[in-house]
Amino acid sequence: MPASPTRFVYLGPESTFAEQALRTIPEAEAGVCTPARSVPEALDAVRSGQADAALVPVENSIGGQIGVSLDELASGSPLMIMREVVLLVQFVLVSRENRPLDTIGEVAAHPQSSAQCRRWLRTNLGEPAIVDVLSNGAAAAGVAEGRHKVAICAPIGAVRYGLTVLAKDIADHPNGMTRFALVRRPAPPPPPTGDDVTTLAVSIAHDRVGALLAVLTELAVRGISLTRIESRPTGERLGRYMFFLDCDGHVAEARLGEALAGLRRVCADVRFLGSYPRAETEYGERVVPPAGVTDADFADAAKWLTRLRSGQPE
């Protein structure tokens, strides 16, 4: 196995949910963490060797896929996901001092943050004026520096700047989550745990009837469940798409190995983006493969086929 990463880069700036997610990883908490200005910048730092690993968002339970992250993983020199982090997105309302909610007439917030807290703001603050800022980190820093009286930010921002939390959990969707991927240069994947995810970027043969069905069939006949399928335009021309798949299982398992070999035969291109442990969340349940698709089942079937070919009785 490759050495554990010590130099981490994440989608910045500081005091955002990306940094909060990264610091849930023990190696990152003990290592050097540097913010990047964009997802491409973060991933390019890994490709060039300036960082060992990058944490970027790939999916949000409210907004859906993070297109720029998927596009960057599907192009350029290969990178591999070694871990996922699923973070419950909890917004807080902060100020430098305690103050009654009914005295707040203006709130600084990133546009996406204020949009996700719109009902709470209307119910509890009436119709406050919203001052747009560039990030949740900038909102917290603005309060700390006296440029704003009140702001919406991530909990890490309140802690970093020593701000007073006026209200917690103010998002309109209390169970909103963001999924992040920890990405490094190609290396052997972590060993299988029995509850893993494999991510693929698949280009189908557009001139072949039923090309996408052929992809799904290679997985379905081996009892492999898809937990996510997303399409992204390739940029070549209208109607040309790449599909991103999250599958239950690990590349080291016989069933998934056979499926990958099948996809290689029927697809225009397959990019393996990693096999890694499924993140634990308070809402997640362990995925148990259906009967007949364990490695032992595949080994037993292979032995049976060998006996048939050699003329031995069943």
C-alpha atoms as a PDB file:
ATOM      1  CA  MET A   1       0.000   0.000   0.000  1.00  0.00           C
ATOM      2  CA  PRO A   2       1.240   3.547  -0.714  1.00  0.00           C
ATOM      3  CA  ALA A   3       2.265   5.777   2.177  1.00  0.00           C
ATOM      4  CA  SER A   4      -0.507   7.721   3.861  1.00  0.00           C
ATOM      5  CA  PRO A   5      -0.878  11.251   2.496  1.00  0.00           C
ATOM      6  CA  THR A   6       0.404  14.141   4.597  1.00  0.00           C
ATOM      7  CA  ARG A   7      -0.168  17.107   2.242  1.00  0.00           C
ATOM      8  CA  PHE A   8      -3.824  17.813   1.577  1.00  0.00           C
ATOM      9  CA  VAL A   9      -5.553  20.384  -0.595  1.00  0.00           C
ATOM     10  CA  TYR A  10      -9.274  21.154  -0.547  1.00  0.00           C
ATOM     11  CA  LEU A  11     -11.784  23.405  -2.260  1.00  0.00           C
ATOM     12  CA  GLY A  12     -11.338  26.655  -0.346  1.00  0.00           C
ATOM     13  CA  PRO A  13     -11.376  29.120   1.107  1.00  0.00           C
ATOM     14  CA  GLU A  14     -10.835  28.303   4.787  1.00  0.00           C
ATOM     15  CA  SER A  15     -13.725  27.783   7.212  1.00  0.00           C
ATOM     16  CA  THR A  16     -16.055  26.174   4.672  1.00  0.00           C
ATOM     17  CA  PHE A  17     -17.807  22.817   4.665  1.00  0.00           C
ATOM     18  CA  ALA A  18     -15.005  21.351   2.521  1.00  0.00           C
ATOM     19  CA  GLU A  19     -12.425  22.096   5.223  1.00  0.00           C
ATOM     20  CA  GLN A  20     -14.818  20.823   7.890  1.00  0.00           C
ATOM     21  CA  ALA A  21     -15.209  17.564   5.949  1.00  0.00           C
ATOM     22  CA  LEU A  22     -11.464  17.197   5.400  1.00  0.00           C
ATOM     23  CA  ARG A  23     -10.723  17.596   9.101  1.00  0.00           C
ATOM     24  CA  THR A  24     -12.865  14.561   9.917  1.00  0.00           C
ATOM     25  CA  ILE A  25     -10.028  12.495   8.393  1.00  0.00           C
ATOM     26  CA  PRO A  26      -7.387  11.793  11.078  1.00  0.00           C
ATOM     27  CA  GLU A  27      -4.455  11.916   8.613  1.00  0.00           C
ATOM     28  CA  ALA A  28      -5.573  15.331   7.393  1.00  0.00           C
ATOM     29  CA  GLU A  29      -6.000  16.678  10.905  1.00  0.00           C
ATOM     30  CA  ALA A  30      -2.372  15.699  11.569  1.00  0.00           C
ATOM     31  CA  GLY A  31      -1.112  16.845   8.149  1.00  0.00           C
ATOM     32  CA  VAL A  32      -0.849  20.089   6.186  1.00  0.00           C
ATOM     33  CA  CYS A  33      -4.156  21.332   4.728  1.00  0.00           C
ATOM     34  CA  THR A  34      -4.131  24.015   2.031  1.00  0.00           C
ATOM     35  CA  PRO A  35      -7.176  25.662   0.393  1.00  0.00           C
ATOM     36  CA  ALA A  36      -7.440  25.860  -3.397  1.00  0.00           C
ATOM     37  CA  ARG A  37      -9.376  28.455  -5.376  1.00  0.00           C
ATOM     38  CA  SER A  38     -11.225  25.904  -7.487  1.00  0.00           C
ATOM     39  CA  VAL A  39     -11.769  22.180  -8.026  1.00  0.00           C
ATOM     40  CA  PRO A  40      -9.438  22.108 -11.087  1.00  0.00           C
ATOM     41  CA  GLU A  41      -6.720  23.837  -9.066  1.00  0.00           C
ATOM     42  CA  ALA A  42      -7.096  21.311  -6.226  1.00  0.00           C
ATOM     43  CA  LEU A  43      -6.876  18.301  -8.544  1.00  0.00           C
ATOM     44  CA  ASP A  44      -4.011  19.767 -10.563  1.00  0.00           C
ATOM     45  CA  ALA A  45      -2.035  20.145  -7.317  1.00  0.00           C
ATOM     46  CA  VAL A  46      -2.294  16.380  -6.866  1.00  0.00           C
ATOM     47  CA  ARG A  47      -1.453  15.624 -10.496  1.00  0.00           C
ATOM     48  CA  SER A  48       1.671  17.802 -10.316  1.00  0.00           C
ATOM     49  CA  GLY A  49       2.820  16.329  -7.006  1.00  0.00           C
ATOM     50  CA  GLN A  50       2.380  19.542  -5.018  1.00  0.00           C
ATOM     51  CA  ALA A  51      -0.141  17.700  -2.808  1.00  0.00           C
ATOM     52  CA  ASP A  52      -0.677  14.060  -1.904  1.00  0.00           C
ATOM     53  CA  ALA A  53      -4.479  14.166  -1.909  1.00  0.00           C
ATOM     54  CA  ALA A  54      -7.359  16.538  -2.638  1.00  0.00           C
ATOM     55  CA  LEU A  55     -10.847  16.688  -1.158  1.00  0.00           C
ATOM     56  CA  VAL A  56     -13.516  17.911  -3.576  1.00  0.00           C
ATOM     57  CA  PRO A  57     -17.349  17.812  -3.478  1.00  0.00           C
ATOM     58  CA  VAL A  58     -19.023  15.386  -5.894  1.00  0.00           C
ATOM     59  CA  GLU A  59     -22.678  15.337  -4.853  1.00  0.00           C
ATOM     60  CA  ASN A  60     -25.212  17.252  -2.777  1.00  0.00           C
ATOM     61  CA  SER A  61     -28.491  15.786  -1.578  1.00  0.00           C
ATOM     62  CA  ILE A  62     -30.321  18.994  -2.535  1.00  0.00           C
ATOM     63  CA  GLY A  63     -28.436  20.361  -5.539  1.00  0.00           C
ATOM     64  CA  GLY A  64     -27.376  17.023  -7.056  1.00  0.00           C
ATOM     65  CA  GLN A  65     -24.107  16.356  -8.872  1.00  0.00           C
ATOM     66  CA  ILE A  66     -21.143  18.726  -8.725  1.00  0.00           C
ATOM     67  CA  GLY A  67     -20.474  18.826 -12.462  1.00  0.00           C
ATOM     68  CA  VAL A  68     -17.031  20.442 -12.398  1.00  0.00           C
ATOM     69  CA  SER A  69     -15.672  17.719 -10.089  1.00  0.00           C
ATOM     70  CA  LEU A  70     -17.011  14.918 -12.290  1.00  0.00           C
ATOM     71  CA  ASP A  71     -15.694  16.568 -15.454  1.00  0.00           C
ATOM     72  CA  GLU A  72     -12.232  17.022 -13.972  1.00  0.00           C
ATOM     73  CA  LEU A  73     -12.046  13.408 -12.760  1.00  0.00           C
ATOM     74  CA  ALA A  74     -13.077  12.127 -16.197  1.00  0.00           C
ATOM     75  CA  SER A  75     -10.435  14.128 -18.082  1.00  0.00           C
ATOM     76  CA  GLY A  76      -6.737  14.791 -17.744  1.00  0.00           C
ATOM     77  CA  SER A  77      -4.226  12.380 -16.264  1.00  0.00           C
ATOM     78  CA  PRO A  78      -5.968   9.690 -14.179  1.00  0.00           C
ATOM     79  CA  LEU A  79      -6.781  10.177 -10.502  1.00  0.00           C
ATOM     80  CA  MET A  80      -8.378   7.736  -8.078  1.00  0.00           C
ATOM     81  CA  ILE A  81     -10.829   8.147  -5.215  1.00  0.00           C
ATOM     82  CA  MET A  82      -9.419   6.562  -2.074  1.00  0.00           C
ATOM     83  CA  ARG A  83     -12.104   7.631   0.379  1.00  0.00           C
ATOM     84  CA  GLU A  84     -15.437   9.396   0.608  1.00  0.00           C
ATOM     85  CA  VAL A  85     -16.708  11.746   3.304  1.00  0.00           C
ATOM     86  CA  VAL A  86     -20.414  12.467   3.746  1.00  0.00           C
ATOM     87  CA  LEU A  87     -21.056  15.623   5.757  1.00  0.00           C
ATOM     88  CA  LEU A  88     -24.348  16.738   7.234  1.00  0.00           C
ATOM     89  CA  VAL A  89     -24.719  20.352   6.095  1.00  0.00           C
ATOM     90  CA  GLN A  90     -25.654  22.355   9.172  1.00  0.00           C
ATOM     91  CA  PHE A  91     -25.756  26.146   8.908  1.00  0.00           C
ATOM     92  CA  VAL A  92     -25.429  28.478  11.890  1.00  0.00           C
ATOM     93  CA  LEU A  93     -26.350  32.146  12.343  1.00  0.00           C
ATOM     94  CA  VAL A  94     -23.467  34.047  13.974  1.00  0.00           C
ATOM     95  CA  SER A  95     -22.545  37.453  15.374  1.00  0.00           C
ATOM     96  CA  ARG A  96     -19.739  38.898  17.481  1.00  0.00           C
ATOM     97  CA  GLU A  97     -22.084  39.247  20.428  1.00  0.00           C
ATOM     98  CA  ASN A  98     -25.414  37.859  21.537  1.00  0.00           C
ATOM     99  CA  ARG A  99     -28.399  39.790  20.193  1.00  0.00           C
ATOM    100  CA  PRO A 100     -32.152  39.211  19.879  1.00  0.00           C
ATOM    101  CA  LEU A 101     -33.253  37.769  16.554  1.00  0.00           C
ATOM    102  CA  ASP A 102     -35.924  40.441  16.138  1.00  0.00           C
ATOM    103  CA  THR A 103     -33.200  43.143  15.938  1.00  0.00           C
ATOM    104  CA  ILE A 104     -31.502  41.605  12.887  1.00  0.00           C
ATOM    105  CA  GLY A 105     -32.252  43.407   9.641  1.00  0.00           C
ATOM    106  CA  GLU A 106     -29.329  42.295   7.498  1.00  0.00           C
ATOM    107  CA  VAL A 107     -27.506  38.972   7.061  1.00  0.00           C
ATOM    108  CA  ALA A 108     -24.320  38.243   5.128  1.00  0.00           C
ATOM    109  CA  ALA A 109     -24.316  34.898   3.331  1.00  0.00           C
ATOM    110  CA  HIS A 110     -23.135  32.996   0.297  1.00  0.00           C
ATOM    111  CA  PRO A 111     -26.067  32.918  -2.183  1.00  0.00           C
ATOM    112  CA  GLN A 112     -26.406  29.125  -1.957  1.00  0.00           C
ATOM    113  CA  SER A 113     -26.422  29.274   1.822  1.00  0.00           C
ATOM    114  CA  SER A 114     -29.099  31.942   2.030  1.00  0.00           C
ATOM    115  CA  ALA A 115     -31.178  30.016  -0.526  1.00  0.00           C
ATOM    116  CA  GLN A 116     -31.011  26.883   1.628  1.00  0.00           C
ATOM    117  CA  CYS A 117     -32.091  28.855   4.715  1.00  0.00           C
ATOM    118  CA  ARG A 118     -34.749  31.007   3.046  1.00  0.00           C
ATOM    119  CA  ARG A 119     -37.784  29.718   4.956  1.00  0.00           C
ATOM    120  CA  TRP A 120     -36.013  29.849   8.316  1.00  0.00           C
ATOM    121  CA  LEU A 121     -34.913  33.433   7.702  1.00  0.00           C
ATOM    122  CA  ARG A 122     -38.412  34.494   6.672  1.00  0.00           C
ATOM    123  CA  THR A 123     -40.039  32.766   9.655  1.00  0.00           C
ATOM    124  CA  ASN A 124     -37.576  33.920  12.317  1.00  0.00           C
ATOM    125  CA  LEU A 125     -36.205  37.217  11.008  1.00  0.00           C
ATOM    126  CA  GLY A 126     -39.023  38.485   8.822  1.00  0.00           C
ATOM    127  CA  GLU A 127     -37.502  39.596   5.535  1.00  0.00           C
ATOM    128  CA  PRO A 128     -33.856  40.506   6.303  1.00  0.00           C
ATOM    129  CA  ALA A 129     -31.699  42.081   3.621  1.00  0.00           C
ATOM    130  CA  ILE A 130     -29.180  39.552   2.294  1.00  0.00           C
ATOM    131  CA  VAL A 131     -25.637  40.701   1.574  1.00  0.00           C
ATOM    132  CA  ASP A 132     -23.997  38.265  -0.840  1.00  0.00           C
ATOM    133  CA  VAL A 133     -20.453  37.134  -0.037  1.00  0.00           C
ATOM    134  CA  LEU A 134     -18.097  34.776  -1.862  1.00  0.00           C
ATOM    135  CA  SER A 135     -18.141  31.876   0.606  1.00  0.00           C
ATOM    136  CA  ASN A 136     -19.248  30.691   4.029  1.00  0.00           C
ATOM    137  CA  GLY A 137     -15.706  31.350   5.217  1.00  0.00           C
ATOM    138  CA  ALA A 138     -15.868  34.937   3.950  1.00  0.00           C
ATOM    139  CA  ALA A 139     -19.162  35.408   5.789  1.00  0.00           C
ATOM    140  CA  ALA A 140     -17.635  34.323   9.106  1.00  0.00           C
ATOM    141  CA  ALA A 141     -14.493  36.395   8.543  1.00  0.00           C
ATOM    142  CA  GLY A 142     -16.608  39.440   7.685  1.00  0.00           C
ATOM    143  CA  VAL A 143     -18.368  39.253  11.052  1.00  0.00           C
ATOM    144  CA  ALA A 144     -15.101  38.724  12.922  1.00  0.00           C
ATOM    145  CA  GLU A 145     -13.565  41.758  11.201  1.00  0.00           C
ATOM    146  CA  GLY A 146     -16.620  43.951  11.832  1.00  0.00           C
ATOM    147  CA  ARG A 147     -17.683  44.317   8.192  1.00  0.00           C
ATOM    148  CA  HIS A 148     -20.956  42.476   8.893  1.00  0.00           C
ATOM    149  CA  LYS A 149     -23.086  42.267  12.010  1.00  0.00           C
ATOM    150  CA  VAL A 150     -24.652  38.866  11.374  1.00  0.00           C
ATOM    151  CA  ALA A 151     -23.878  36.048   8.947  1.00  0.00           C
ATOM    152  CA  ILE A 152     -24.732  32.502   7.944  1.00  0.00           C
ATOM    153  CA  CYS A 153     -21.742  30.153   7.934  1.00  0.00           C
ATOM    154  CA  ALA A 154     -20.534  26.629   8.595  1.00  0.00           C
ATOM    155  CA  PRO A 155     -19.961  25.610  12.235  1.00  0.00           C
ATOM    156  CA  ILE A 156     -16.188  25.515  11.633  1.00  0.00           C
ATOM    157  CA  GLY A 157     -16.279  29.253  10.857  1.00  0.00           C
ATOM    158  CA  ALA A 158     -17.958  30.086  14.161  1.00  0.00           C
ATOM    159  CA  VAL A 159     -15.324  28.091  16.063  1.00  0.00           C
ATOM    160  CA  ARG A 160     -12.334  29.460  14.132  1.00  0.00           C
ATOM    161  CA  TYR A 161     -13.287  33.113  14.645  1.00  0.00           C
ATOM    162  CA  GLY A 162     -14.735  32.754  18.146  1.00  0.00           C
ATOM    163  CA  LEU A 163     -18.191  33.981  17.089  1.00  0.00           C
ATOM    164  CA  THR A 164     -21.409  33.794  19.050  1.00  0.00           C
ATOM    165  CA  VAL A 165     -23.902  31.316  17.604  1.00  0.00           C
ATOM    166  CA  LEU A 166     -27.347  32.932  17.607  1.00  0.00           C
ATOM    167  CA  ALA A 167     -29.116  29.906  16.108  1.00  0.00           C
ATOM    168  CA  LYS A 168     -28.127  26.395  15.014  1.00  0.00           C
ATOM    169  CA  ASP A 169     -29.454  24.072  12.311  1.00  0.00           C
ATOM    170  CA  ILE A 170     -31.194  26.821  10.352  1.00  0.00           C
ATOM    171  CA  ALA A 171     -31.294  25.012   6.992  1.00  0.00           C
ATOM    172  CA  ASP A 172     -34.748  24.435   5.505  1.00  0.00           C
ATOM    173  CA  HIS A 173     -33.732  20.815   4.804  1.00  0.00           C
ATOM    174  CA  PRO A 174     -32.266  19.585   8.106  1.00  0.00           C
ATOM    175  CA  ASN A 175     -30.953  16.340   6.615  1.00  0.00           C
ATOM    176  CA  GLY A 176     -29.106  17.903   3.694  1.00  0.00           C
ATOM    177  CA  MET A 177     -25.745  16.260   3.004  1.00  0.00           C
ATOM    178  CA  THR A 178     -22.737  16.819   0.790  1.00  0.00           C
ATOM    179  CA  ARG A 179     -20.564  13.960  -0.385  1.00  0.00           C
ATOM    180  CA  PHE A 180     -16.856  14.622  -0.848  1.00  0.00           C
ATOM    181  CA  ALA A 181     -14.199  12.488  -2.543  1.00  0.00           C
ATOM    182  CA  LEU A 182     -10.605  12.251  -1.331  1.00  0.00           C
ATOM    183  CA  VAL A 183      -8.555  11.853  -4.492  1.00  0.00           C
ATOM    184  CA  ARG A 184      -4.927  10.867  -5.094  1.00  0.00           C
ATOM    185  CA  ARG A 185      -2.703   9.752  -7.961  1.00  0.00           C
ATOM    186  CA  PRO A 186      -3.282   6.164  -9.151  1.00  0.00           C
ATOM    187  CA  ALA A 187      -2.327   3.544  -6.559  1.00  0.00           C
ATOM    188  CA  PRO A 188      -3.664   0.189  -5.357  1.00  0.00           C
ATOM    189  CA  PRO A 189      -7.128   0.773  -3.874  1.00  0.00           C
ATOM    190  CA  PRO A 190      -7.794   0.244  -0.166  1.00  0.00           C
ATOM    191  CA  PRO A 191      -8.557  -3.426   0.606  1.00  0.00           C
ATOM    192  CA  PRO A 192     -12.210  -4.492   0.439  1.00  0.00           C
ATOM    193  CA  THR A 193     -14.257  -4.092   3.606  1.00  0.00           C
ATOM    194  CA  GLY A 194     -17.416  -5.913   2.511  1.00  0.00           C
ATOM    195  CA  ASP A 195     -19.276  -2.610   2.130  1.00  0.00           C
ATOM    196  CA  ASP A 196     -17.520  -0.682  -0.610  1.00  0.00           C
ATOM    197  CA  VAL A 197     -18.284   1.639  -3.517  1.00  0.00           C
ATOM    198  CA  THR A 198     -16.688   1.565  -6.966  1.00  0.00           C
ATOM    199  CA  THR A 199     -16.910   4.663  -9.148  1.00  0.00           C
ATOM    200  CA  LEU A 200     -16.615   4.546 -12.943  1.00  0.00           C
ATOM    201  CA  ALA A 201     -16.765   7.026 -15.811  1.00  0.00           C
ATOM    202  CA  VAL A 202     -18.208   5.247 -18.854  1.00  0.00           C
ATOM    203  CA  SER A 203     -18.419   6.390 -22.466  1.00  0.00           C
ATOM    204  CA  ILE A 204     -20.958   4.373 -24.421  1.00  0.00           C
ATOM    205  CA  ALA A 205     -20.829   3.498 -28.115  1.00  0.00           C
ATOM    206  CA  HIS A 206     -23.301   6.094 -29.404  1.00  0.00           C
ATOM    207  CA  ASP A 207     -23.691   4.343 -32.747  1.00  0.00           C
ATOM    208  CA  ARG A 208     -24.845   1.143 -31.072  1.00  0.00           C
ATOM    209  CA  VAL A 209     -28.545   0.554 -30.336  1.00  0.00           C
ATOM    210  CA  GLY A 210     -29.136  -0.215 -26.655  1.00  0.00           C
ATOM    211  CA  ALA A 211     -25.603   0.828 -25.634  1.00  0.00           C
ATOM    212  CA  LEU A 212     -26.641   2.090 -22.195  1.00  0.00           C
ATOM    213  CA  LEU A 213     -28.796  -0.987 -21.624  1.00  0.00           C
ATOM    214  CA  ALA A 214     -25.743  -3.127 -22.362  1.00  0.00           C
ATOM    215  CA  VAL A 215     -23.838  -1.293 -19.618  1.00  0.00           C
ATOM    216  CA  LEU A 216     -26.595  -1.799 -17.072  1.00  0.00           C
ATOM    217  CA  THR A 217     -26.981  -5.452 -18.047  1.00  0.00           C
ATOM    218  CA  GLU A 218     -23.302  -6.205 -17.355  1.00  0.00           C
ATOM    219  CA  LEU A 219     -23.912  -5.028 -13.786  1.00  0.00           C
ATOM    220  CA  ALA A 220     -27.414  -6.391 -13.216  1.00  0.00           C
ATOM    221  CA  VAL A 221     -26.680  -9.991 -14.245  1.00  0.00           C
ATOM    222  CA  ARG A 222     -23.954 -10.123 -11.595  1.00  0.00           C
ATOM    223  CA  GLY A 223     -26.137  -8.726  -8.822  1.00  0.00           C
ATOM    224  CA  ILE A 224     -24.355  -5.363  -8.712  1.00  0.00           C
ATOM    225  CA  SER A 225     -26.564  -2.482  -7.609  1.00  0.00           C
ATOM    226  CA  LEU A 226     -26.127   1.055  -8.862  1.00  0.00           C
ATOM    227  CA  THR A 227     -26.392   3.683  -6.146  1.00  0.00           C
ATOM    228  CA  ARG A 228     -25.882   6.578  -8.569  1.00  0.00           C
ATOM    229  CA  ILE A 229     -25.885   7.167 -12.301  1.00  0.00           C
ATOM    230  CA  GLU A 230     -25.284  10.651 -13.707  1.00  0.00           C
ATOM    231  CA  SER A 231     -24.815  11.858 -17.264  1.00  0.00           C
ATOM    232  CA  ARG A 232     -22.456  14.660 -18.263  1.00  0.00           C
ATOM    233  CA  PRO A 233     -21.957  16.106 -21.768  1.00  0.00           C
ATOM    234  CA  THR A 234     -18.595  15.228 -23.278  1.00  0.00           C
ATOM    235  CA  GLY A 235     -18.273  18.613 -25.010  1.00  0.00           C
ATOM    236  CA  GLU A 236     -17.818  16.940 -28.388  1.00  0.00           C
ATOM    237  CA  ARG A 237     -21.279  17.761 -29.714  1.00  0.00           C
ATOM    238  CA  LEU A 238     -24.959  17.610 -28.751  1.00  0.00           C
ATOM    239  CA  GLY A 239     -26.095  14.153 -27.732  1.00  0.00           C
ATOM    240  CA  ARG A 240     -22.657  12.936 -26.630  1.00  0.00           C
ATOM    241  CA  TYR A 241     -22.641  12.005 -22.949  1.00  0.00           C
ATOM    242  CA  MET A 242     -20.433  10.276 -20.403  1.00  0.00           C
ATOM    243  CA  PHE A 243     -22.047   8.337 -17.573  1.00  0.00           C
ATOM    244  CA  PHE A 244     -20.775   8.293 -14.003  1.00  0.00           C
ATOM    245  CA  LEU A 245     -21.665   5.168 -12.049  1.00  0.00           C
ATOM    246  CA  ASP A 246     -21.407   4.349  -8.356  1.00  0.00           C
ATOM    247  CA  CYS A 247     -21.653   0.570  -7.884  1.00  0.00           C
ATOM    248  CA  ASP A 248     -21.865  -1.572  -4.789  1.00  0.00           C
ATOM    249  CA  GLY A 249     -18.715  -3.672  -4.474  1.00  0.00           C
ATOM    250  CA  HIS A 250     -14.928  -3.615  -4.828  1.00  0.00           C
ATOM    251  CA  VAL A 251     -12.696  -4.183  -7.843  1.00  0.00           C
ATOM    252  CA  ALA A 252     -10.990  -7.039  -5.960  1.00  0.00           C
ATOM    253  CA  GLU A 253     -14.271  -8.997  -5.853  1.00  0.00           C
ATOM    254  CA  ALA A 254     -14.890 -11.553  -8.586  1.00  0.00           C
ATOM    255  CA  ARG A 255     -18.353 -10.270  -9.515  1.00  0.00           C
ATOM    256  CA  LEU A 256     -17.195  -6.678  -9.993  1.00  0.00           C
ATOM    257  CA  GLY A 257     -14.031  -7.745 -11.752  1.00  0.00           C
ATOM    258  CA  GLU A 258     -16.101  -9.713 -14.277  1.00  0.00           C
ATOM    259  CA  ALA A 259     -18.443  -6.736 -14.722  1.00  0.00           C
ATOM    260  CA  LEU A 260     -15.527  -4.389 -15.419  1.00  0.00           C
ATOM    261  CA  ALA A 261     -14.157  -6.798 -17.999  1.00  0.00           C
ATOM    262  CA  GLY A 262     -17.614  -6.903 -19.592  1.00  0.00           C
ATOM    263  CA  LEU A 263     -17.874  -3.122 -19.653  1.00  0.00           C
ATOM    264  CA  ARG A 264     -14.470  -2.922 -21.288  1.00  0.00           C
ATOM    265  CA  ARG A 265     -15.828  -5.077 -24.132  1.00  0.00           C
ATOM    266  CA  VAL A 266     -19.095  -3.195 -24.735  1.00  0.00           C
ATOM    267  CA  CYS A 267     -18.140   0.447 -24.006  1.00  0.00           C
ATOM    268  CA  ALA A 268     -16.211   2.987 -26.020  1.00  0.00           C
ATOM    269  CA  ASP A 269     -14.174   3.790 -22.902  1.00  0.00           C
ATOM    270  CA  VAL A 270     -14.192   2.971 -19.173  1.00  0.00           C
ATOM    271  CA  ARG A 271     -12.256   5.015 -16.621  1.00  0.00           C
ATOM    272  CA  PHE A 272     -11.886   3.357 -13.231  1.00  0.00           C
ATOM    273  CA  LEU A 273     -12.123   6.089 -10.566  1.00  0.00           C
ATOM    274  CA  GLY A 274     -11.607   3.923  -7.520  1.00  0.00           C
ATOM    275  CA  SER A 275     -12.944   1.356  -5.062  1.00  0.00           C
ATOM    276  CA  TYR A 276     -13.190   2.600  -1.477  1.00  0.00           C
ATOM    277  CA  PRO A 277     -15.132   2.030   1.771  1.00  0.00           C
ATOM    278  CA  ARG A 278     -18.662   3.371   1.912  1.00  0.00           C
ATOM    279  CA  ALA A 279     -18.883   6.348   4.261  1.00  0.00           C
ATOM    280  CA  GLU A 280     -20.791   5.775   7.458  1.00  0.00           C
ATOM    281  CA  THR A 281     -23.700   8.125   8.107  1.00  0.00           C
ATOM    282  CA  GLU A 282     -26.431   8.063  10.704  1.00  0.00           C
ATOM    283  CA  TYR A 283     -28.895   7.367   7.875  1.00  0.00           C
ATOM    284  CA  GLY A 284     -26.871   4.756   6.005  1.00  0.00           C
ATOM    285  CA  GLU A 285     -27.324   1.011   6.228  1.00  0.00           C
ATOM    286  CA  ARG A 286     -24.771  -1.633   5.388  1.00  0.00           C
ATOM    287  CA  VAL A 287     -25.292  -2.965   1.875  1.00  0.00           C
ATOM    288  CA  VAL A 288     -25.466  -6.776   1.795  1.00  0.00           C
ATOM    289  CA  PRO A 289     -24.893  -8.428  -1.623  1.00  0.00           C
ATOM    290  CA  PRO A 290     -27.709 -10.696  -2.817  1.00  0.00           C
ATOM    291  CA  ALA A 291     -27.312 -14.460  -2.637  1.00  0.00           C
ATOM    292  CA  GLY A 292     -25.136 -16.049  -5.313  1.00  0.00           C
ATOM    293  CA  VAL A 293     -22.693 -13.170  -5.937  1.00  0.00           C
ATOM    294  CA  THR A 294     -20.031 -13.600  -3.244  1.00  0.00           C
ATOM    295  CA  ASP A 295     -16.483 -14.545  -4.217  1.00  0.00           C
ATOM    296  CA  ALA A 296     -17.150 -18.014  -2.818  1.00  0.00           C
ATOM    297  CA  ASP A 297     -20.156 -18.356  -5.148  1.00  0.00           C
ATOM    298  CA  PHE A 298     -18.031 -17.332  -8.137  1.00  0.00           C
ATOM    299  CA  ALA A 299     -15.257 -19.759  -7.144  1.00  0.00           C
ATOM    300  CA  ASP A 300     -17.755 -22.599  -6.793  1.00  0.00           C
ATOM    301  CA  ALA A 301     -19.271 -21.828 -10.211  1.00  0.00           C
ATOM    302  CA  ALA A 302     -15.788 -21.736 -11.795  1.00  0.00           C
ATOM    303  CA  LYS A 303     -14.920 -25.149 -10.338  1.00  0.00           C
ATOM    304  CA  TRP A 304     -18.206 -26.568 -11.642  1.00  0.00           C
ATOM    305  CA  LEU A 305     -17.483 -25.225 -15.130  1.00  0.00           C
ATOM    306  CA  THR A 306     -13.980 -26.718 -15.031  1.00  0.00           C
ATOM    307  CA  ARG A 307     -15.426 -30.121 -14.173  1.00  0.00           C
ATOM    308  CA  LEU A 308     -17.879 -29.873 -17.080  1.00  0.00           C
ATOM    309  CA  ARG A 309     -15.128 -29.020 -19.536  1.00  0.00           C
ATOM    310  CA  SER A 310     -12.961 -31.887 -18.369  1.00  0.00           C
ATOM    311  CA  GLY A 311     -15.771 -34.389 -18.653  1.00  0.00           C
ATOM    312  CA  GLN A 312     -16.032 -35.051 -14.925  1.00  0.00           C
ATOM    313  CA  PRO A 313     -19.447 -35.877 -13.494  1.00  0.00           C
ATOM    314  CA  GLU A 314     -21.292 -33.119 -11.684  1.00  0.00           C
END
